[in-house]
Structure formats: structure tokens, C-alpha cells
């Protein structure tokens, strides 16, 4: 790789759905947006609300308020042409609902059941 710098934008979150997914149709692509609550105890105890956007078919069927999700994506800044405001959100490429709260097999190196 030599002296080249490597930029890397990868976000992995585990948390619960705080607001049911909402459908938004910017242009001709359908997008679902949701808020994920992520609890943290280090360096201090807190609860973060993280905005997540993804393709309609990426959210597992039957997801509901309070379900535990694992989300993998990238951090992106979006601008609104109508308001001129920007927001930062996670654009998810992979979402998995976990009833047991444990990481998906792809994170642990184990084979899927």
C-alpha cells in the first residue's frame, strides 16, 4: 500500500427501534427512515438517537417499535434543496433483526444456523 492514505467510512450499530420506519420517496427511489436508540456506558452513561435511512426492502419484514436491530452502513451528510438544511444519518446497506440481542453470525465468525 505504500504511503497512500486509506479513507474508510463504516458504521456498525446495535440498538432498538425508537420510531416506526417511515416511507419517504425522494425522486424515484423509495427510502425508509427510522430512529435507532443506542445505549452507551462508556465514557459516560447515555442514550443516543441515531437516524438511519435505507432502501425499503432492506428492513426485515415485521419490524416494530422496540425491536433490536444490527445496522451496517456509512455515515453521510444529506442536504435538503427545499430548506437548505443538512443532516447527518447512517445510510444502511445491511439490517438484521435480532430477537436475542446477540450479534449476527457474520460478526462472530460462526456459521448461520
N, C-alpha and C. Protein backbone atom coordinates (compact mmCIF):
# COMPACT_ATOMS: atom_id res chain seq x y z
N UNK A 1 0.81 -1.18 0.00
CA UNK A 1 0.00 0.00 0.00
C UNK A 1 0.86 1.25 0.00
N UNK A 2 2.05 1.19 0.50
CA UNK A 2 2.97 2.32 0.45
C UNK A 2 2.52 3.48 1.31
N UNK A 3 2.70 4.69 0.80
CA UNK A 3 2.39 5.89 1.58
C UNK A 3 0.99 6.43 1.31
N UNK A 4 0.17 5.69 0.57
CA UNK A 4 -1.20 6.14 0.29
C UNK A 4 -2.04 6.11 1.57
N UNK A 5 -2.90 7.10 1.70
CA UNK A 5 -3.82 7.12 2.83
C UNK A 5 -5.07 6.33 2.47
N UNK A 6 -5.66 5.72 3.47
CA UNK A 6 -6.88 4.94 3.27
C UNK A 6 -8.02 5.61 4.02
N UNK A 7 -9.04 6.06 3.31
CA UNK A 7 -10.24 6.59 3.93
C UNK A 7 -11.24 5.44 4.07
N UNK A 8 -11.95 5.41 5.18
CA UNK A 8 -12.84 4.30 5.44
C UNK A 8 -14.06 4.82 6.18
N UNK A 9 -15.25 4.58 5.66
CA UNK A 9 -16.49 5.05 6.26
C UNK A 9 -17.38 3.84 6.51
N UNK A 10 -17.29 3.27 7.69
CA UNK A 10 -18.07 2.10 8.07
C UNK A 10 -18.68 2.33 9.44
N UNK A 11 -19.99 2.16 9.54
CA UNK A 11 -20.70 2.32 10.79
C UNK A 11 -21.40 1.01 11.11
N UNK A 12 -21.23 0.54 12.35
CA UNK A 12 -21.94 -0.65 12.83
C UNK A 12 -22.66 -0.25 14.11
N UNK A 13 -23.98 -0.43 14.12
CA UNK A 13 -24.80 -0.06 15.27
C UNK A 13 -25.64 -1.25 15.73
N UNK A 14 -25.90 -1.30 17.02
CA UNK A 14 -26.86 -2.25 17.58
C UNK A 14 -27.74 -1.45 18.52
N UNK A 15 -29.04 -1.49 18.30
CA UNK A 15 -29.95 -0.73 19.15
C UNK A 15 -31.39 -1.10 18.87
N UNK A 16 -32.28 -0.34 19.46
CA UNK A 16 -33.71 -0.62 19.33
C UNK A 16 -34.42 0.46 18.52
N UNK A 17 -35.45 0.05 17.80
CA UNK A 17 -36.24 0.99 17.00
C UNK A 17 -37.00 1.91 17.95
N UNK A 18 -36.75 3.22 17.84
CA UNK A 18 -37.41 4.21 18.70
C UNK A 18 -38.65 4.80 18.05
N UNK A 19 -38.63 4.87 16.72
CA UNK A 19 -39.75 5.41 15.95
C UNK A 19 -40.00 4.45 14.79
N UNK A 20 -41.24 4.05 14.57
CA UNK A 20 -41.51 3.12 13.46
C UNK A 20 -40.98 3.68 12.14
N UNK A 21 -40.48 2.80 11.25
CA UNK A 21 -39.95 3.25 9.96
C UNK A 21 -40.98 4.03 9.16
N UNK A 22 -40.52 5.15 8.57
CA UNK A 22 -41.38 6.00 7.75
C UNK A 22 -40.92 5.91 6.30
N UNK A 23 -41.87 5.88 5.39
CA UNK A 23 -41.57 5.83 3.97
C UNK A 23 -41.38 7.25 3.44
N UNK A 24 -40.32 7.44 2.69
CA UNK A 24 -40.05 8.72 2.05
C UNK A 24 -39.68 8.44 0.60
N UNK A 25 -40.17 9.22 -0.31
CA UNK A 25 -39.90 8.98 -1.73
C UNK A 25 -39.21 10.18 -2.37
N UNK A 26 -37.87 10.30 -2.18
CA UNK A 26 -37.15 11.38 -2.85
C UNK A 26 -36.87 11.00 -4.30
N UNK A 27 -37.39 11.76 -5.23
CA UNK A 27 -37.18 11.41 -6.64
C UNK A 27 -37.94 10.15 -6.98
N UNK A 28 -37.24 9.16 -7.55
CA UNK A 28 -37.91 7.92 -7.93
C UNK A 28 -37.50 6.73 -7.06
N UNK A 29 -36.70 6.97 -6.03
CA UNK A 29 -36.26 5.88 -5.14
C UNK A 29 -37.02 5.95 -3.83
N UNK A 30 -37.51 4.82 -3.36
CA UNK A 30 -38.20 4.76 -2.08
C UNK A 30 -37.20 4.48 -0.97
N UNK A 31 -37.29 5.28 0.10
CA UNK A 31 -36.37 5.17 1.23
C UNK A 31 -37.18 5.09 2.50
N UNK A 32 -36.73 4.27 3.42
CA UNK A 32 -37.34 4.22 4.75
C UNK A 32 -36.37 4.86 5.73
N UNK A 33 -36.93 5.64 6.63
CA UNK A 33 -36.14 6.28 7.68
C UNK A 33 -36.66 5.81 9.03
N UNK A 34 -35.74 5.60 9.96
CA UNK A 34 -36.11 5.23 11.31
C UNK A 34 -35.11 5.82 12.29
N UNK A 35 -35.48 5.87 13.55
CA UNK A 35 -34.56 6.29 14.60
C UNK A 35 -34.22 5.07 15.43
N UNK A 36 -32.94 4.91 15.71
CA UNK A 36 -32.44 3.79 16.50
C UNK A 36 -31.90 4.33 17.81
N UNK A 37 -32.33 3.76 18.95
CA UNK A 37 -31.76 4.15 20.23
C UNK A 37 -30.57 3.24 20.51
N UNK A 38 -29.46 3.86 20.85
CA UNK A 38 -28.23 3.13 21.15
C UNK A 38 -27.78 3.53 22.54
N UNK A 39 -27.76 2.56 23.46
CA UNK A 39 -27.32 2.82 24.83
C UNK A 39 -25.81 2.69 24.92
N UNK A 40 -25.21 3.54 25.73
CA UNK A 40 -23.77 3.50 25.92
C UNK A 40 -23.46 3.76 27.39
N UNK A 41 -22.41 3.12 27.88
CA UNK A 41 -21.99 3.36 29.26
C UNK A 41 -20.57 3.90 29.35
N UNK A 42 -19.90 4.02 28.21
CA UNK A 42 -18.52 4.49 28.23
C UNK A 42 -18.35 5.65 27.26
N UNK A 43 -17.79 6.74 27.55
CA UNK A 43 -17.17 7.09 28.84
C UNK A 43 -18.20 7.48 29.89
N UNK A 44 -19.42 7.84 29.48
CA UNK A 44 -20.49 8.12 30.44
C UNK A 44 -21.75 7.41 29.98
N UNK A 45 -22.68 7.26 30.90
CA UNK A 45 -23.95 6.61 30.57
C UNK A 45 -24.81 7.57 29.76
N UNK A 46 -25.28 7.11 28.60
CA UNK A 46 -26.13 7.96 27.77
C UNK A 46 -26.96 7.10 26.81
N UNK A 47 -27.94 7.76 26.19
CA UNK A 47 -28.79 7.13 25.20
C UNK A 47 -28.80 8.03 23.97
N UNK A 48 -28.33 7.52 22.85
CA UNK A 48 -28.28 8.30 21.62
C UNK A 48 -29.41 7.87 20.69
N UNK A 49 -29.97 8.84 19.97
CA UNK A 49 -30.94 8.57 18.92
C UNK A 49 -30.23 8.78 17.60
N UNK A 50 -30.10 7.71 16.81
CA UNK A 50 -29.36 7.74 15.56
C UNK A 50 -30.33 7.63 14.39
N UNK A 51 -30.34 8.62 13.48
CA UNK A 51 -31.19 8.50 12.29
C UNK A 51 -30.58 7.52 11.29
N UNK A 52 -31.41 6.62 10.76
CA UNK A 52 -30.98 5.62 9.80
C UNK A 52 -31.88 5.69 8.58
N UNK A 53 -31.28 5.66 7.39
CA UNK A 53 -32.02 5.63 6.13
C UNK A 53 -31.58 4.40 5.36
N UNK A 54 -32.52 3.76 4.68
CA UNK A 54 -32.19 2.57 3.91
C UNK A 54 -33.24 2.34 2.82
N UNK A 55 -32.92 1.45 1.91
CA UNK A 55 -33.89 1.06 0.87
C UNK A 55 -35.07 0.37 1.55
N UNK A 56 -36.24 0.50 0.95
CA UNK A 56 -37.46 -0.06 1.51
C UNK A 56 -37.32 -1.54 1.82
N UNK A 57 -36.72 -2.31 0.92
CA UNK A 57 -36.64 -3.76 1.10
C UNK A 57 -35.52 -4.20 2.04
N UNK A 58 -34.72 -3.29 2.58
CA UNK A 58 -33.62 -3.67 3.46
C UNK A 58 -34.05 -3.88 4.91
N UNK A 59 -35.21 -3.33 5.28
CA UNK A 59 -35.69 -3.51 6.65
C UNK A 59 -36.43 -4.83 6.72
N UNK A 60 -36.04 -5.70 7.67
CA UNK A 60 -36.69 -7.01 7.78
C UNK A 60 -38.21 -6.89 7.97
N UNK A 61 -38.92 -7.82 7.37
CA UNK A 61 -40.38 -7.87 7.44
C UNK A 61 -40.83 -7.93 8.89
N UNK A 62 -41.85 -7.16 9.23
CA UNK A 62 -42.46 -7.23 10.55
C UNK A 62 -41.73 -6.47 11.65
N UNK A 63 -40.76 -5.64 11.31
CA UNK A 63 -40.06 -4.86 12.33
C UNK A 63 -41.04 -3.90 13.00
N UNK A 64 -40.90 -3.77 14.32
CA UNK A 64 -41.82 -2.92 15.08
C UNK A 64 -41.05 -2.14 16.14
N UNK A 65 -41.72 -1.19 16.71
CA UNK A 65 -41.17 -0.36 17.77
C UNK A 65 -40.56 -1.24 18.86
N UNK A 66 -39.32 -0.96 19.25
CA UNK A 66 -38.67 -1.71 20.31
C UNK A 66 -37.85 -2.90 19.85
N UNK A 67 -37.99 -3.31 18.59
CA UNK A 67 -37.20 -4.44 18.07
C UNK A 67 -35.71 -4.09 18.09
N UNK A 68 -34.88 -5.09 18.37
CA UNK A 68 -33.43 -4.92 18.40
C UNK A 68 -32.86 -5.17 17.01
N UNK A 69 -32.13 -4.19 16.47
CA UNK A 69 -31.55 -4.29 15.13
C UNK A 69 -30.03 -4.16 15.17
N UNK A 70 -29.39 -4.82 14.24
CA UNK A 70 -27.98 -4.59 13.91
C UNK A 70 -27.97 -3.90 12.55
N UNK A 71 -27.25 -2.80 12.45
CA UNK A 71 -27.21 -1.99 11.23
C UNK A 71 -25.76 -1.81 10.81
N UNK A 72 -25.50 -2.02 9.52
CA UNK A 72 -24.17 -1.77 8.95
C UNK A 72 -24.37 -0.82 7.78
N UNK A 73 -23.58 0.26 7.77
CA UNK A 73 -23.72 1.23 6.70
C UNK A 73 -22.60 2.24 6.73
N UNK A 74 -22.90 3.44 6.25
CA UNK A 74 -21.91 4.52 6.23
C UNK A 74 -22.56 5.80 6.71
N UNK A 75 -21.75 6.70 7.21
CA UNK A 75 -22.21 7.99 7.69
C UNK A 75 -22.23 8.96 6.51
N UNK A 76 -23.37 9.62 6.31
CA UNK A 76 -23.49 10.55 5.19
C UNK A 76 -24.19 11.83 5.63
N UNK A 77 -23.81 12.92 5.00
CA UNK A 77 -24.46 14.21 5.23
C UNK A 77 -25.37 14.48 4.05
N UNK A 78 -26.64 14.73 4.34
CA UNK A 78 -27.63 14.97 3.30
C UNK A 78 -28.08 16.43 3.37
N UNK A 79 -28.33 17.02 2.21
CA UNK A 79 -28.80 18.40 2.13
C UNK A 79 -30.21 18.42 1.57
N UNK A 80 -31.04 19.31 2.11
CA UNK A 80 -32.40 19.49 1.61
C UNK A 80 -32.42 20.68 0.65
N UNK A 81 -32.87 20.45 -0.56
CA UNK A 81 -32.95 21.52 -1.55
C UNK A 81 -34.03 22.53 -1.17
N UNK A 82 -35.06 22.07 -0.47
CA UNK A 82 -36.17 22.97 -0.13
C UNK A 82 -35.87 23.84 1.08
N UNK A 83 -35.21 23.28 2.11
CA UNK A 83 -34.96 24.06 3.32
C UNK A 83 -33.53 24.59 3.40
N UNK A 84 -32.63 24.00 2.64
CA UNK A 84 -31.23 24.40 2.72
C UNK A 84 -30.50 23.84 3.92
N UNK A 85 -31.17 23.04 4.71
CA UNK A 85 -30.57 22.43 5.91
C UNK A 85 -29.88 21.12 5.55
N UNK A 86 -28.99 20.72 6.44
CA UNK A 86 -28.33 19.43 6.25
C UNK A 86 -28.55 18.57 7.50
N UNK A 87 -28.40 17.28 7.31
CA UNK A 87 -28.49 16.35 8.43
C UNK A 87 -27.49 15.23 8.20
N UNK A 88 -27.04 14.66 9.29
CA UNK A 88 -26.13 13.52 9.22
C UNK A 88 -26.91 12.29 9.61
N UNK A 89 -26.78 11.23 8.81
CA UNK A 89 -27.50 10.00 9.10
C UNK A 89 -26.66 8.80 8.65
N UNK A 90 -27.02 7.65 9.17
CA UNK A 90 -26.41 6.41 8.73
C UNK A 90 -27.23 5.89 7.56
N UNK A 91 -26.57 5.64 6.44
CA UNK A 91 -27.24 5.02 5.29
C UNK A 91 -26.90 3.54 5.35
N UNK A 92 -27.90 2.73 5.66
CA UNK A 92 -27.70 1.31 5.94
C UNK A 92 -27.70 0.49 4.66
N UNK A 93 -26.74 -0.41 4.57
CA UNK A 93 -26.70 -1.38 3.48
C UNK A 93 -27.11 -2.76 3.96
N UNK A 94 -27.09 -2.96 5.29
CA UNK A 94 -27.44 -4.26 5.87
C UNK A 94 -28.15 -4.01 7.20
N UNK A 95 -29.30 -4.63 7.39
CA UNK A 95 -30.03 -4.55 8.66
C UNK A 95 -30.51 -5.94 9.01
N UNK A 96 -30.30 -6.31 10.26
CA UNK A 96 -30.79 -7.62 10.72
C UNK A 96 -31.48 -7.44 12.06
N UNK A 97 -32.69 -8.02 12.17
CA UNK A 97 -33.40 -8.01 13.45
C UNK A 97 -32.93 -9.20 14.27
N UNK A 98 -32.60 -8.93 15.55
CA UNK A 98 -32.14 -9.99 16.44
C UNK A 98 -33.02 -10.03 17.67
N UNK A 99 -33.75 -11.11 17.83
CA UNK A 99 -34.62 -11.24 18.99
C UNK A 99 -33.80 -11.53 20.26
N UNK A 100 -32.61 -12.13 20.09
CA UNK A 100 -31.79 -12.46 21.24
C UNK A 100 -30.82 -11.34 21.62
N UNK A 101 -30.71 -10.31 20.79
CA UNK A 101 -29.81 -9.19 21.08
C UNK A 101 -28.36 -9.47 20.77
N UNK A 102 -28.03 -10.71 20.36
CA UNK A 102 -26.65 -11.08 20.08
C UNK A 102 -26.25 -10.63 18.68
N UNK A 103 -24.95 -10.48 18.44
CA UNK A 103 -24.50 -10.10 17.09
C UNK A 103 -24.86 -11.17 16.07
N UNK A 104 -25.11 -10.77 14.82
CA UNK A 104 -25.35 -11.74 13.76
C UNK A 104 -24.12 -12.61 13.55
N UNK A 105 -24.29 -13.82 13.01
CA UNK A 105 -23.15 -14.73 12.80
C UNK A 105 -22.02 -14.11 11.98
N UNK A 106 -22.35 -13.20 11.07
CA UNK A 106 -21.29 -12.59 10.25
C UNK A 106 -20.32 -11.75 11.09
N UNK A 107 -20.72 -11.34 12.31
CA UNK A 107 -19.84 -10.57 13.19
C UNK A 107 -19.05 -11.45 14.13
N UNK A 108 -19.48 -12.69 14.32
CA UNK A 108 -18.81 -13.56 15.29
C UNK A 108 -17.94 -14.62 14.61
N UNK A 109 -18.04 -14.74 13.29
CA UNK A 109 -17.26 -15.74 12.56
C UNK A 109 -17.88 -17.12 12.60
N UNK A 110 -19.09 -17.23 13.16
CA UNK A 110 -19.78 -18.51 13.22
C UNK A 110 -20.68 -18.69 12.02
N UNK A 111 -20.98 -19.91 11.70
CA UNK A 111 -21.90 -20.19 10.60
C UNK A 111 -23.31 -19.88 11.04
N UNK A 112 -24.13 -19.42 10.10
CA UNK A 112 -25.54 -19.15 10.40
C UNK A 112 -26.24 -20.47 10.70
N UNK A 113 -27.22 -20.47 11.64
CA UNK A 113 -27.91 -21.71 11.98
C UNK A 113 -28.77 -22.22 10.84
